[in-house]
Amino acid sequence: MTIQKLALRTAEEMLAAGLSRSSVWATHDSALLPIVKAHEENGKEEFDRETMTDYVKNIERRIESGEIKAVRYRTLLRAAQRITEMHDHGKLLWTAPALASKFKLNNYFQTVLDKFLFEGKFSPKGSSDAMWVVRKYFAWLITENHEDLNGVGAAEIQKFMIYCSNRMKGSGVHNLKLYMKKLFRFLADNGYSQDAFEKLLNFKVFRESKLFPAASPDELDAILNVIDRHLPRGKRDYAIILLGVVTGLRAVDIKNLKLTDIDWQKGDINIVQAKTGVPLSLPLTTDVGEAIKDYVLNGRQETESDSLFLRLHVPYKGFTSSVAIGDLFDDYCKKANLPRHAFDGKGFHSLRRAVGKNLITAGVPAEAAAQITGGGNIDSIKKYVALDSRHLKECALDFSGIGKGVRSL
């Protein structure tokens, strides 16, 4: 497909998604055609990644020099992302534009990274995490005077991992190691490295387990009460949050809910959990059922999408990331005057912890609680047991009879 046809196909996809004709053709003429022109000037009839890389760098140069305004910069960058998505995936993914990275790469490493991300077939979040790790590693190699992967081996991997371990928490190092393993498997399979270094990258990383709080009944009431259920957005958000409050479903599973996942005749919600791959069937309680019905009948846009919960703007499709659900929950926390700070554990997942805690405090056996929350094994419910301070106090040892003179160990 020529670059001209690819630009036209991108515009057609935007039209099919529901964007206005005036907006689409304005984007085509002002933001997509410059990409076509850049290819023609380089003698490229088809999409060329090196040309695109240079084109984006030129956009960055123009914003830094003050030649273009921020709005124009975002328009051009978004068009570059969309035409690249059409080339790579045959469709628009409608993901948020990535932030510019502080880890700058040369053309060699950028090409390897692009190929790794394309062949890795990562999820949107996985792609973002993989990009961050590999860019960090390649940028570090450049600072170590490596302009390519020739001569890079075990010594460089060890030095990089030590460098990161001195600057990152255990959980960060753990995730970094996982993507380094994927990277070197890819490098070995594609002739960039003679070894995948699987044994070297198989070390265990200690991760501190932090106990986060469960949302309290008062907090849940405050959040639900500030939602304006007269508006389509309020109907949607109320149903989403109530689902979390009553069922404890993870945000990713709520994001993935389809209209067909709800059996209205039997009163069940049937899903396959994204995290575990395990099927889960939950009762559709009256309050949740009424909230979903109100949204579907009176708030949900008319669309061919089978996603239960839709974005508010075109294209009317399901959420592309579970982060969006966390964000809308945070918005209502602010409206309810519930203070939040980074990593306080009071986000959307606190609803799941509340359900788990309530099951345990109600006397539901741990095995049954694990099945209800979809964890599947007893280990998954341990953190909820730890939140049950009343029953933990009952398990505490009686120190009566222990002499005051006993030395502490």
Protein backbone atom coordinates (compact mmCIF):
# COMPACT_ATOMS: atom_id res chain seq x y z
CA MET A 1 0.00 0.00 0.00
CA THR A 2 1.41 3.39 -0.97
CA ILE A 3 1.85 6.05 1.70
CA GLN A 4 -0.86 8.14 -0.02
CA LYS A 5 -3.36 5.28 0.24
CA LEU A 6 -2.32 4.59 3.83
CA ALA A 7 -3.07 8.22 4.75
CA LEU A 8 -6.45 7.99 3.03
CA ARG A 9 -7.20 4.68 4.76
CA THR A 10 -6.36 6.28 8.11
CA ALA A 11 -8.83 9.09 7.44
CA GLU A 12 -11.52 6.58 6.43
CA GLU A 13 -10.98 4.65 9.66
CA MET A 14 -11.44 7.88 11.63
CA LEU A 15 -14.71 8.52 9.79
CA ALA A 16 -15.91 4.98 10.50
CA ALA A 17 -15.20 5.55 14.20
CA GLY A 18 -17.67 8.43 14.24
CA LEU A 19 -15.46 11.52 14.03
CA SER A 20 -16.97 14.40 12.06
CA ARG A 21 -16.14 14.71 8.36
CA SER A 22 -14.85 18.26 8.78
CA SER A 23 -12.50 17.20 11.59
CA VAL A 24 -11.25 14.13 9.72
CA TRP A 25 -10.49 15.88 6.43
CA ALA A 26 -8.91 18.81 8.25
CA THR A 27 -6.60 16.29 9.93
CA HIS A 28 -5.95 14.56 6.61
CA ASP A 29 -4.96 17.76 4.83
CA SER A 30 -3.04 19.44 7.65
CA ALA A 31 -1.43 16.50 9.50
CA LEU A 32 -1.45 13.36 7.34
CA LEU A 33 -0.41 14.89 4.03
CA PRO A 34 2.81 16.33 5.57
CA ILE A 35 3.76 12.72 6.38
CA VAL A 36 3.12 11.77 2.75
CA LYS A 37 5.27 14.69 1.63
CA ALA A 38 8.10 13.65 3.97
CA HIS A 39 8.11 10.18 2.41
CA GLU A 40 8.06 11.59 -1.14
CA GLU A 41 11.01 13.86 -0.34
CA ASN A 42 12.95 10.79 0.82
CA GLY A 43 11.99 8.84 -2.29
CA LYS A 44 9.78 6.43 -0.33
CA GLU A 45 6.55 5.31 -1.95
CA GLU A 46 5.47 3.15 1.01
CA PHE A 47 5.50 3.59 4.78
CA ASP A 48 9.10 3.82 5.99
CA ARG A 49 9.90 3.65 9.71
CA GLU A 50 13.18 5.54 9.45
CA THR A 51 11.41 8.35 7.62
CA MET A 52 8.75 8.40 10.35
CA THR A 53 11.42 8.54 13.06
CA ASP A 54 13.07 11.52 11.36
CA TYR A 55 9.69 13.16 10.84
CA VAL A 56 8.80 12.90 14.55
CA LYS A 57 12.24 14.20 15.51
CA ASN A 58 11.65 17.19 13.24
CA ILE A 59 8.31 17.85 14.96
CA GLU A 60 10.09 17.80 18.32
CA ARG A 61 12.74 20.20 17.00
CA ARG A 62 10.05 22.60 15.78
CA ILE A 63 8.22 22.71 19.13
CA GLU A 64 11.50 23.20 21.00
CA SER A 65 12.52 26.07 18.72
CA GLY A 66 9.12 27.72 19.06
CA GLU A 67 8.33 27.30 15.37
CA ILE A 68 4.99 25.62 16.16
CA LYS A 69 2.59 25.88 19.08
CA ALA A 70 1.73 23.06 21.49
CA VAL A 71 -1.66 22.41 19.84
CA ARG A 72 -0.07 22.00 16.41
CA TYR A 73 2.63 19.78 17.89
CA ARG A 74 0.05 17.42 19.42
CA THR A 75 -1.96 17.33 16.18
CA LEU A 76 1.07 16.35 14.10
CA LEU A 77 2.28 13.81 16.66
CA ARG A 78 -1.17 12.23 16.91
CA ALA A 79 -1.40 11.92 13.13
CA ALA A 80 2.02 10.24 13.06
CA GLN A 81 0.84 7.79 15.71
CA ARG A 82 -2.38 6.99 13.87
CA ILE A 83 -0.81 6.37 10.48
CA THR A 84 1.76 4.14 12.19
CA GLU A 85 -1.03 2.20 13.91
CA MET A 86 -2.77 1.69 10.55
CA HIS A 87 0.46 0.39 9.04
CA ASP A 88 1.35 -1.89 11.96
CA HIS A 89 -2.09 -3.21 12.93
CA GLY A 90 -4.43 -2.50 10.03
CA LYS A 91 -6.68 -0.48 12.36
CA LEU A 92 -6.63 2.38 14.84
CA LEU A 93 -6.08 1.34 18.45
CA TRP A 94 -7.35 4.62 19.95
CA THR A 95 -4.72 4.60 22.67
CA ALA A 96 -3.48 7.70 24.43
CA PRO A 97 -0.36 9.22 22.85
CA ALA A 98 2.82 8.16 24.61
CA LEU A 99 4.78 10.72 26.52
CA ALA A 100 8.17 11.64 25.14
CA SER A 101 10.86 9.49 26.74
CA LYS A 102 13.90 10.88 28.49
CA PHE A 103 15.87 7.86 27.23
CA LYS A 104 17.14 8.91 23.81
CA LEU A 105 18.23 6.22 21.34
CA ASN A 106 20.16 6.17 18.08
CA ASN A 107 18.61 4.77 14.90
CA TYR A 108 20.09 1.29 15.45
CA PHE A 109 18.63 0.79 18.92
CA GLN A 110 15.32 2.44 17.94
CA THR A 111 14.95 -0.02 15.07
CA VAL A 112 15.62 -2.99 17.35
CA LEU A 113 13.13 -1.65 19.89
CA ASP A 114 10.42 -1.14 17.26
CA LYS A 115 10.89 -4.68 15.98
CA PHE A 116 10.84 -6.11 19.52
CA LEU A 117 7.59 -4.32 20.36
CA PHE A 118 5.98 -5.30 17.07
CA GLU A 119 6.88 -8.99 17.33
CA GLY A 120 6.22 -9.18 21.08
CA LYS A 121 2.45 -8.75 20.63
CA PHE A 122 2.15 -7.13 24.05
CA SER A 123 -1.02 -5.78 25.60
CA PRO A 124 -1.23 -1.95 25.67
CA LYS A 125 0.10 -1.87 29.25
CA GLY A 126 2.67 -4.57 28.52
CA SER A 127 3.87 -2.65 25.47
CA SER A 128 4.30 0.50 27.56
CA ASP A 129 6.23 -1.36 30.28
CA ALA A 130 8.39 -3.20 27.74
CA MET A 131 9.18 0.02 25.91
CA TRP A 132 10.25 1.72 29.15
CA VAL A 133 12.55 -1.13 30.20
CA VAL A 134 14.21 -1.62 26.82
CA ARG A 135 14.65 2.10 26.18
CA LYS A 136 16.24 2.43 29.61
CA TYR A 137 18.61 -0.47 28.89
CA PHE A 138 19.56 0.69 25.39
CA ALA A 139 20.08 4.28 26.57
CA TRP A 140 22.30 2.94 29.37
CA LEU A 141 24.33 0.97 26.81
CA ILE A 142 24.88 4.18 24.85
CA THR A 143 26.26 5.86 27.97
CA GLU A 144 28.61 2.86 28.26
CA ASN A 145 29.89 3.64 24.72
CA HIS A 146 27.93 0.89 22.94
CA GLU A 147 26.45 2.17 19.68
CA ASP A 148 25.02 -1.26 18.86
CA LEU A 149 24.73 -4.74 20.41
CA ASN A 150 28.07 -6.05 19.18
CA GLY A 151 30.08 -7.30 22.15
CA VAL A 152 27.20 -6.86 24.59
CA GLY A 153 26.87 -9.85 26.89
CA ALA A 154 26.67 -11.11 30.47
CA ALA A 155 28.98 -8.46 31.93
CA GLU A 156 26.79 -5.63 30.60
CA ILE A 157 23.58 -7.30 31.81
CA GLN A 158 25.00 -7.76 35.31
CA LYS A 159 26.29 -4.20 35.47
CA PHE A 160 22.95 -2.80 34.26
CA MET A 161 20.93 -4.85 36.76
CA ILE A 162 23.19 -3.72 39.62
CA TYR A 163 22.84 -0.14 38.41
CA CYS A 164 19.02 -0.45 38.48
CA SER A 165 18.87 -2.30 41.81
CA ASN A 166 20.63 0.64 43.47
CA ARG A 167 17.95 3.02 42.16
CA MET A 168 14.72 1.03 42.11
CA LYS A 169 12.49 -0.86 44.53
CA GLY A 170 12.29 -4.63 44.49
CA SER A 171 9.02 -4.70 42.56
CA GLY A 172 10.51 -2.43 39.89
CA VAL A 173 13.61 -4.62 39.55
CA HIS A 174 11.38 -7.70 39.35
CA ASN A 175 9.41 -6.29 36.41
CA LEU A 176 12.57 -5.02 34.75
CA LYS A 177 14.10 -8.49 34.93
CA LEU A 178 11.02 -10.05 33.31
CA TYR A 179 11.21 -7.76 30.27
CA MET A 180 14.98 -8.18 30.05
CA LYS A 181 14.38 -11.93 29.73
CA LYS A 182 11.87 -11.33 26.94
CA LEU A 183 14.25 -8.92 25.23
CA PHE A 184 17.23 -11.29 25.19
CA ARG A 185 15.05 -14.17 24.04
CA PHE A 186 14.03 -11.95 21.12
CA LEU A 187 17.64 -10.82 20.49
CA ALA A 188 18.87 -14.43 20.43
CA ASP A 189 16.06 -15.56 18.10
CA ASN A 190 16.76 -12.71 15.68
CA GLY A 191 20.54 -12.92 15.55
CA TYR A 192 21.31 -9.82 17.62
CA SER A 193 22.80 -11.90 20.44
CA GLN A 194 24.48 -15.30 20.60
CA ASP A 195 22.83 -16.14 23.92
CA ALA A 196 19.46 -15.49 25.58
CA PHE A 197 21.15 -15.49 29.02
CA GLU A 198 18.16 -17.26 30.55
CA LYS A 199 20.15 -18.67 33.50
CA LEU A 200 21.68 -15.29 34.22
CA LEU A 201 18.26 -13.61 34.17
CA ASN A 202 16.56 -16.31 36.24
CA PHE A 203 17.55 -14.92 39.66
CA LYS A 204 14.84 -14.21 42.21
CA VAL A 205 14.02 -10.67 43.26
CA PHE A 206 12.65 -10.05 46.74
CA ARG A 207 9.54 -7.90 46.66
CA GLU A 208 8.25 -6.33 49.84
CA SER A 209 4.55 -7.05 50.30
CA LYS A 210 2.66 -3.99 51.49
CA LEU A 211 -0.75 -4.28 53.14
CA PHE A 212 -3.12 -1.73 51.59
CA PRO A 213 -6.41 -0.64 53.20
CA ALA A 214 -9.91 -1.64 52.22
CA ALA A 215 -12.48 1.04 51.44
CA SER A 216 -14.70 1.73 54.46
CA PRO A 217 -18.53 1.76 54.32
CA ASP A 218 -18.57 5.50 55.00
CA GLU A 219 -16.15 6.15 52.12
CA LEU A 220 -18.22 4.00 49.75
CA ASP A 221 -21.43 5.82 50.68
CA ALA A 222 -19.75 9.19 50.15
CA ILE A 223 -18.46 8.19 46.70
CA LEU A 224 -21.73 6.71 45.47
CA ASN A 225 -23.72 9.70 46.76
CA VAL A 226 -21.78 12.27 44.71
CA ILE A 227 -22.50 10.54 41.39
CA ASP A 228 -25.13 12.38 39.33
CA ARG A 229 -27.24 9.48 38.10
CA HIS A 230 -29.42 11.75 35.94
CA LEU A 231 -26.62 12.02 33.36
CA PRO A 232 -25.46 9.24 31.00
CA ARG A 233 -21.97 9.44 32.48
CA GLY A 234 -23.34 9.18 36.00
CA LYS A 235 -25.45 6.15 35.10
CA ARG A 236 -22.39 4.42 33.63
CA ASP A 237 -20.03 5.33 36.46
CA TYR A 238 -22.53 4.41 39.17
CA ALA A 239 -22.98 0.94 37.64
CA ILE A 240 -19.20 0.48 37.33
CA ILE A 241 -18.42 1.49 40.91
CA LEU A 242 -21.38 -0.42 42.35
CA LEU A 243 -20.12 -3.52 40.53
CA GLY A 244 -16.79 -3.10 42.29
CA VAL A 245 -18.47 -2.45 45.66
CA VAL A 246 -20.79 -5.48 45.52
CA THR A 247 -18.83 -8.09 43.55
CA GLY A 248 -15.20 -7.08 44.04
CA LEU A 249 -14.50 -7.52 40.33
CA ARG A 250 -11.14 -6.20 39.18
CA ALA A 251 -11.15 -3.07 37.02
CA VAL A 252 -9.78 -5.02 34.05
CA ASP A 253 -12.66 -7.52 34.24
CA ILE A 254 -15.23 -4.72 34.45
CA LYS A 255 -13.55 -3.07 31.44
CA ASN A 256 -13.81 -6.33 29.51
CA LEU A 257 -17.47 -7.00 30.32
CA LYS A 258 -19.64 -7.70 27.28
CA LEU A 259 -23.40 -7.36 27.02
CA THR A 260 -23.56 -11.13 26.59
CA ASP A 261 -21.71 -11.74 29.88
CA ILE A 262 -24.90 -10.95 31.78
CA ASP A 263 -27.51 -13.68 31.93
CA TRP A 264 -30.66 -11.72 32.79
CA GLN A 265 -32.79 -14.86 32.89
CA LYS A 266 -30.67 -16.65 35.49
CA GLY A 267 -29.41 -13.48 37.17
CA ASP A 268 -25.70 -14.24 36.71
CA ILE A 269 -22.55 -12.47 35.55
CA ASN A 270 -20.25 -14.91 33.75
CA ILE A 271 -16.67 -13.99 32.82
CA VAL A 272 -13.20 -15.39 32.30
CA GLN A 273 -10.87 -13.41 34.55
CA ALA A 274 -8.14 -11.52 32.72
CA LYS A 275 -5.55 -12.01 35.46
CA THR A 276 -5.97 -15.74 36.05
CA GLY A 277 -7.81 -17.04 32.98
CA VAL A 278 -10.22 -18.77 35.39
CA PRO A 279 -13.99 -18.66 34.67
CA LEU A 280 -16.06 -16.90 37.33
CA SER A 281 -19.82 -16.77 37.84
CA LEU A 282 -21.30 -14.18 40.21
CA PRO A 283 -24.92 -13.45 41.16
CA LEU A 284 -26.43 -10.35 39.60
CA THR A 285 -27.79 -8.71 42.73
CA THR A 286 -30.88 -6.51 42.50
CA ASP A 287 -29.05 -3.23 43.10
CA VAL A 288 -26.32 -3.97 40.56
CA GLY A 289 -28.87 -5.27 38.05
CA GLU A 290 -31.00 -2.13 38.34
CA ALA A 291 -27.95 0.12 37.93
CA ILE A 292 -26.77 -1.71 34.81
CA LYS A 293 -30.30 -1.77 33.36
CA ASP A 294 -30.69 1.97 33.90
CA TYR A 295 -27.38 2.61 32.11
CA VAL A 296 -28.08 0.27 29.18
CA LEU A 297 -31.60 1.57 28.57
CA ASN A 298 -31.13 5.25 29.38
CA GLY A 299 -27.45 6.13 29.19
CA ARG A 300 -25.57 3.83 26.82
CA GLN A 301 -24.92 5.16 23.31
CA GLU A 302 -26.23 3.31 20.26
CA THR A 303 -23.30 1.46 18.76
CA GLU A 304 -22.31 -1.87 17.26
CA SER A 305 -19.79 -2.42 20.06
CA ASP A 306 -20.61 -5.36 22.33
CA SER A 307 -18.73 -3.85 25.28
CA LEU A 308 -21.05 -3.22 28.22
CA PHE A 309 -19.43 0.04 29.30
CA LEU A 310 -18.54 2.57 26.62
CA ARG A 311 -16.44 5.69 26.33
CA LEU A 312 -18.42 8.92 26.33
CA HIS A 313 -16.96 10.23 23.05
CA VAL A 314 -16.56 8.82 19.57
CA PRO A 315 -15.61 6.20 18.78
CA TYR A 316 -18.24 4.66 21.07
CA LYS A 317 -16.24 1.62 22.08
CA GLY A 318 -15.21 -0.01 25.32
CA PHE A 319 -12.41 1.34 27.47
CA THR A 320 -8.97 0.61 26.03
CA SER A 321 -7.40 0.37 29.48
CA SER A 322 -8.52 -0.45 33.01
CA VAL A 323 -6.63 2.69 34.09
CA ALA A 324 -9.64 4.68 32.85
CA ILE A 325 -11.81 3.01 35.49
CA GLY A 326 -9.29 3.85 38.18
CA ASP A 327 -9.23 7.45 36.96
CA LEU A 328 -13.00 7.89 37.09
CA PHE A 329 -13.04 6.39 40.59
CA ASP A 330 -10.36 8.89 41.67
CA ASP A 331 -12.47 11.73 40.27
CA TYR A 332 -15.38 10.78 42.52
CA CYS A 333 -13.06 10.43 45.51
CA LYS A 334 -12.08 14.05 44.97
CA LYS A 335 -15.73 15.14 44.63
CA ALA A 336 -16.50 13.31 47.88
CA ASN A 337 -13.63 15.19 49.60
CA LEU A 338 -11.75 11.97 50.28
CA PRO A 339 -8.03 12.84 50.28
CA ARG A 340 -5.76 10.74 48.09
CA HIS A 341 -2.01 10.59 47.65
CA ALA A 342 0.26 8.48 45.49
CA PHE A 343 0.44 4.77 46.37
CA ASP A 344 -1.98 5.09 49.31
CA GLY A 345 -3.88 1.98 48.18
CA LYS A 346 -7.24 3.77 48.19
CA GLY A 347 -7.91 3.41 44.47
CA PHE A 348 -10.48 1.23 42.73
CA HIS A 349 -8.85 -1.98 43.95
CA SER A 350 -9.71 -0.98 47.53
CA LEU A 351 -13.28 -2.03 46.65
CA ARG A 352 -12.08 -5.57 46.04
CA ARG A 353 -10.21 -5.57 49.34
CA ALA A 354 -13.39 -4.38 51.07
CA VAL A 355 -15.36 -7.32 49.63
CA GLY A 356 -12.66 -9.78 50.70
CA LYS A 357 -12.47 -8.29 54.18
CA ASN A 358 -16.27 -8.34 54.57
CA LEU A 359 -16.41 -12.02 53.61
CA ILE A 360 -13.80 -12.93 56.20
CA THR A 361 -15.30 -10.82 58.99
CA ALA A 362 -18.71 -12.35 58.23
CA GLY A 363 -17.23 -15.74 59.03
CA VAL A 364 -17.10 -17.10 55.47
CA PRO A 365 -14.41 -19.85 55.32
CA ALA A 366 -11.21 -18.72 53.61
CA GLU A 367 -11.54 -21.35 50.87
CA ALA A 368 -15.04 -20.16 50.00
CA ALA A 369 -13.99 -16.49 50.14
CA ALA A 370 -11.16 -17.24 47.71
CA GLN A 371 -13.61 -18.80 45.26
CA ILE A 372 -16.11 -15.95 45.57
CA THR A 373 -13.46 -13.31 44.88
CA GLY A 374 -12.14 -15.36 41.97
CA GLY A 375 -8.68 -15.87 43.44
CA GLY A 376 -8.92 -19.62 43.11
CA ASN A 377 -6.58 -20.57 45.97
CA ILE A 378 -6.17 -19.92 49.68
CA ASP A 379 -3.09 -17.72 49.19
CA SER A 380 -5.18 -15.14 47.34
CA ILE A 381 -7.31 -14.47 50.42
CA LYS A 382 -4.46 -14.13 52.94
CA LYS A 383 -4.21 -10.37 52.49
CA TYR A 384 -7.90 -10.00 53.30
CA VAL A 385 -7.49 -12.07 56.46
CA ALA A 386 -4.75 -9.65 57.49
CA LEU A 387 -7.27 -6.78 57.21
CA ASP A 388 -9.60 -8.45 59.72
CA SER A 389 -8.17 -6.87 62.86
CA ARG A 390 -11.02 -8.08 65.11
CA HIS A 391 -10.42 -11.77 64.45
CA LEU A 392 -6.66 -11.31 64.47
CA LYS A 393 -6.91 -9.93 68.00
CA GLU A 394 -8.76 -13.10 69.01
CA CYS A 395 -5.77 -15.10 67.76
CA ALA A 396 -3.27 -13.05 69.78
CA LEU A 397 -1.28 -14.89 72.50
CA ASP A 398 -2.13 -14.34 76.16
CA PHE A 399 0.97 -13.05 77.95
CA SER A 400 -0.41 -13.63 81.45
CA GLY A 401 1.96 -15.62 83.63
CA ILE A 402 5.07 -14.46 81.82
CA GLY A 403 7.45 -12.97 84.36
CA LYS A 404 8.52 -9.38 84.14
CA GLY A 405 12.15 -10.40 84.46
CA VAL A 406 12.19 -12.46 81.29
CA ARG A 407 14.71 -11.01 78.91
CA SER A 408 13.61 -10.25 75.37
CA LEU A 409 15.32 -12.33 72.73
